[in-house]
Every structure is written in C-alpha cells, then in structure tokens.
C-alpha cells in the first residue's frame, strides 16, 4: 500500500527535525526526572537561540557578510556586462550562498 512509504517519509522528516537536539536530550522518562528535563530545555534555549543571535550580531560576522555581498555584487556586475567569469569566481559565488 502507498501509506507505508509516506508514513516512513513523515517519520524520517520528524527524525531529521529532532536530530540537532538529540545531543542534549535526556534518555529518561519525564515522570520523576523533571530536573533533567528542565536542564535540557535550558541548554537547548541557550545553545539554539541565544548563542546563535550573539554570533550573528558580532562585528566580525557582519563584516564577513558585507565582504561577501560586495564580492557577489562585483561578480554579478561583471557577468551582466558580458565579461566571462573564471571558474574560481564562479566557485566564490556559489560558496557565498552556502555560508
């Protein structure tokens, strides 16, 4: 039946979403282990929300982003004006989107 592959795909997507949090996840039941679960929630919030925001607002991160934007703009202007881009320049453009 078609429900089995769809179901496994849904389960796979669910597992994929849980994957980043698995390293902090306590392997005990919630009942009787509230302290461990609160610690898990606290660490999760700090690691995924607070630290990420702190890193994204550092001057070094902002400077790198602006440099990538300038490089991309220069390469795009070069491409629009009809000049050929080298392989190295094309790699720079694709790398700028990966970060």
C-alpha atoms as a PDB file:
ATOM      1  CA  UNK A   1       0.000   0.000   0.000  1.00  0.00           C
ATOM      2  CA  UNK A   2       1.087   3.604  -0.513  1.00  0.00           C
ATOM      3  CA  UNK A   3       0.629   4.604   3.111  1.00  0.00           C
ATOM      4  CA  UNK A   4       3.771   2.787   4.271  1.00  0.00           C
ATOM      5  CA  UNK A   5       6.282   4.800   2.176  1.00  0.00           C
ATOM      6  CA  UNK A   6       4.511   8.068   3.048  1.00  0.00           C
ATOM      7  CA  UNK A   7       4.474   7.155   6.704  1.00  0.00           C
ATOM      8  CA  UNK A   8       8.179   6.332   6.718  1.00  0.00           C
ATOM      9  CA  UNK A   9       8.888   9.607   4.912  1.00  0.00           C
ATOM     10  CA  UNK A  10       6.945  11.501   7.575  1.00  0.00           C
ATOM     11  CA  UNK A  11       8.835   9.653  10.298  1.00  0.00           C
ATOM     12  CA  UNK A  12      12.131  10.424   8.554  1.00  0.00           C
ATOM     13  CA  UNK A  13      11.254  14.127   8.415  1.00  0.00           C
ATOM     14  CA  UNK A  14      10.369  14.047  12.111  1.00  0.00           C
ATOM     15  CA  UNK A  15      13.666  12.379  12.963  1.00  0.00           C
ATOM     16  CA  UNK A  16      15.518  14.908  10.822  1.00  0.00           C
ATOM     17  CA  UNK A  17      13.905  17.756  12.782  1.00  0.00           C
ATOM     18  CA  UNK A  18      14.848  16.155  16.110  1.00  0.00           C
ATOM     19  CA  UNK A  19      18.440  15.445  15.125  1.00  0.00           C
ATOM     20  CA  UNK A  20      20.021  18.776  16.181  1.00  0.00           C
ATOM     21  CA  UNK A  21      18.546  18.463  19.671  1.00  0.00           C
ATOM     22  CA  UNK A  22      19.434  14.816  20.265  1.00  0.00           C
ATOM     23  CA  UNK A  23      22.806  15.582  21.822  1.00  0.00           C
ATOM     24  CA  UNK A  24      21.113  17.314  24.780  1.00  0.00           C
ATOM     25  CA  UNK A  25      18.086  15.022  25.013  1.00  0.00           C
ATOM     26  CA  UNK A  26      17.896  13.072  28.301  1.00  0.00           C
ATOM     27  CA  UNK A  27      17.215   9.387  27.780  1.00  0.00           C
ATOM     28  CA  UNK A  28      14.836   9.099  30.723  1.00  0.00           C
ATOM     29  CA  UNK A  29      11.103   9.483  31.113  1.00  0.00           C
ATOM     30  CA  UNK A  30       9.658  12.851  32.064  1.00  0.00           C
ATOM     31  CA  UNK A  31       7.945  11.488  35.165  1.00  0.00           C
ATOM     32  CA  UNK A  32      10.284  11.714  38.129  1.00  0.00           C
ATOM     33  CA  UNK A  33      13.057  13.425  36.176  1.00  0.00           C
ATOM     34  CA  UNK A  34      11.820  16.993  35.969  1.00  0.00           C
ATOM     35  CA  UNK A  35      15.193  18.489  36.880  1.00  0.00           C
ATOM     36  CA  UNK A  36      16.916  16.770  33.943  1.00  0.00           C
ATOM     37  CA  UNK A  37      14.192  17.873  31.525  1.00  0.00           C
ATOM     38  CA  UNK A  38      14.297  21.499  32.715  1.00  0.00           C
ATOM     39  CA  UNK A  39      18.064  21.451  32.282  1.00  0.00           C
ATOM     40  CA  UNK A  40      17.555  20.064  28.759  1.00  0.00           C
ATOM     41  CA  UNK A  41      15.150  22.896  27.908  1.00  0.00           C
ATOM     42  CA  UNK A  42      17.513  25.497  29.350  1.00  0.00           C
ATOM     43  CA  UNK A  43      20.562  24.198  27.454  1.00  0.00           C
ATOM     44  CA  UNK A  44      18.510  23.912  24.257  1.00  0.00           C
ATOM     45  CA  UNK A  45      17.349  27.527  24.550  1.00  0.00           C
ATOM     46  CA  UNK A  46      20.855  28.842  25.245  1.00  0.00           C
ATOM     47  CA  UNK A  47      22.546  26.829  22.501  1.00  0.00           C
ATOM     48  CA  UNK A  48      19.989  27.322  19.740  1.00  0.00           C
ATOM     49  CA  UNK A  49      18.539  30.743  20.419  1.00  0.00           C
ATOM     50  CA  UNK A  50      20.862  32.924  22.478  1.00  0.00           C
ATOM     51  CA  UNK A  51      24.275  31.872  21.167  1.00  0.00           C
ATOM     52  CA  UNK A  52      23.106  31.954  17.563  1.00  0.00           C
ATOM     53  CA  UNK A  53      21.872  35.528  17.955  1.00  0.00           C
ATOM     54  CA  UNK A  54      25.061  36.588  19.714  1.00  0.00           C
ATOM     55  CA  UNK A  55      27.210  35.149  16.930  1.00  0.00           C
ATOM     56  CA  UNK A  56      25.130  36.713  14.164  1.00  0.00           C
ATOM     57  CA  UNK A  57      25.472  40.193  15.687  1.00  0.00           C
ATOM     58  CA  UNK A  58      29.256  40.178  16.140  1.00  0.00           C
ATOM     59  CA  UNK A  59      31.104  42.803  14.145  1.00  0.00           C
ATOM     60  CA  UNK A  60      33.339  40.147  12.602  1.00  0.00           C
ATOM     61  CA  UNK A  61      30.282  38.260  11.309  1.00  0.00           C
ATOM     62  CA  UNK A  62      28.699  41.441   9.949  1.00  0.00           C
ATOM     63  CA  UNK A  63      31.983  42.415   8.258  1.00  0.00           C
ATOM     64  CA  UNK A  64      32.313  38.982   6.594  1.00  0.00           C
ATOM     65  CA  UNK A  65      28.732  39.207   5.360  1.00  0.00           C
ATOM     66  CA  UNK A  66      29.307  42.673   3.878  1.00  0.00           C
ATOM     67  CA  UNK A  67      32.505  41.486   2.171  1.00  0.00           C
ATOM     68  CA  UNK A  68      30.628  38.548   0.629  1.00  0.00           C
ATOM     69  CA  UNK A  69      27.893  40.924  -0.559  1.00  0.00           C
ATOM     70  CA  UNK A  70      30.450  43.238  -2.181  1.00  0.00           C
ATOM     71  CA  UNK A  71      32.252  40.342  -3.888  1.00  0.00           C
ATOM     72  CA  UNK A  72      28.963  38.983  -5.164  1.00  0.00           C
ATOM     73  CA  UNK A  73      27.914  42.409  -6.464  1.00  0.00           C
ATOM     74  CA  UNK A  74      31.217  42.865  -8.302  1.00  0.00           C
ATOM     75  CA  UNK A  75      30.983  39.426  -9.882  1.00  0.00           C
ATOM     76  CA  UNK A  76      27.342  39.964 -10.837  1.00  0.00           C
ATOM     77  CA  UNK A  77      28.154  43.305 -12.494  1.00  0.00           C
ATOM     78  CA  UNK A  78      30.989  41.616 -14.365  1.00  0.00           C
ATOM     79  CA  UNK A  79      28.606  38.907 -15.546  1.00  0.00           C
ATOM     80  CA  UNK A  80      25.897  41.373 -16.603  1.00  0.00           C
ATOM     81  CA  UNK A  81      28.344  43.481 -18.601  1.00  0.00           C
ATOM     82  CA  UNK A  82      29.151  40.409 -20.673  1.00  0.00           C
ATOM     83  CA  UNK A  83      32.544  39.511 -19.269  1.00  0.00           C
ATOM     84  CA  UNK A  84      33.286  35.836 -18.730  1.00  0.00           C
ATOM     85  CA  UNK A  85      33.658  34.649 -15.169  1.00  0.00           C
ATOM     86  CA  UNK A  86      36.510  32.305 -14.338  1.00  0.00           C
ATOM     87  CA  UNK A  87      35.919  29.010 -12.599  1.00  0.00           C
ATOM     88  CA  UNK A  88      37.377  30.435  -9.390  1.00  0.00           C
ATOM     89  CA  UNK A  89      34.956  33.364  -9.498  1.00  0.00           C
ATOM     90  CA  UNK A  90      32.009  31.024 -10.054  1.00  0.00           C
ATOM     91  CA  UNK A  91      33.107  28.973  -7.039  1.00  0.00           C
ATOM     92  CA  UNK A  92      33.262  32.157  -4.939  1.00  0.00           C
ATOM     93  CA  UNK A  93      29.689  32.998  -5.896  1.00  0.00           C
ATOM     94  CA  UNK A  94      28.406  29.528  -5.002  1.00  0.00           C
ATOM     95  CA  UNK A  95      30.352  29.499  -1.722  1.00  0.00           C
ATOM     96  CA  UNK A  96      28.902  32.837  -0.698  1.00  0.00           C
ATOM     97  CA  UNK A  97      25.420  31.306  -0.765  1.00  0.00           C
ATOM     98  CA  UNK A  98      26.495  28.258   1.238  1.00  0.00           C
ATOM     99  CA  UNK A  99      27.504  30.240   4.327  1.00  0.00           C
END
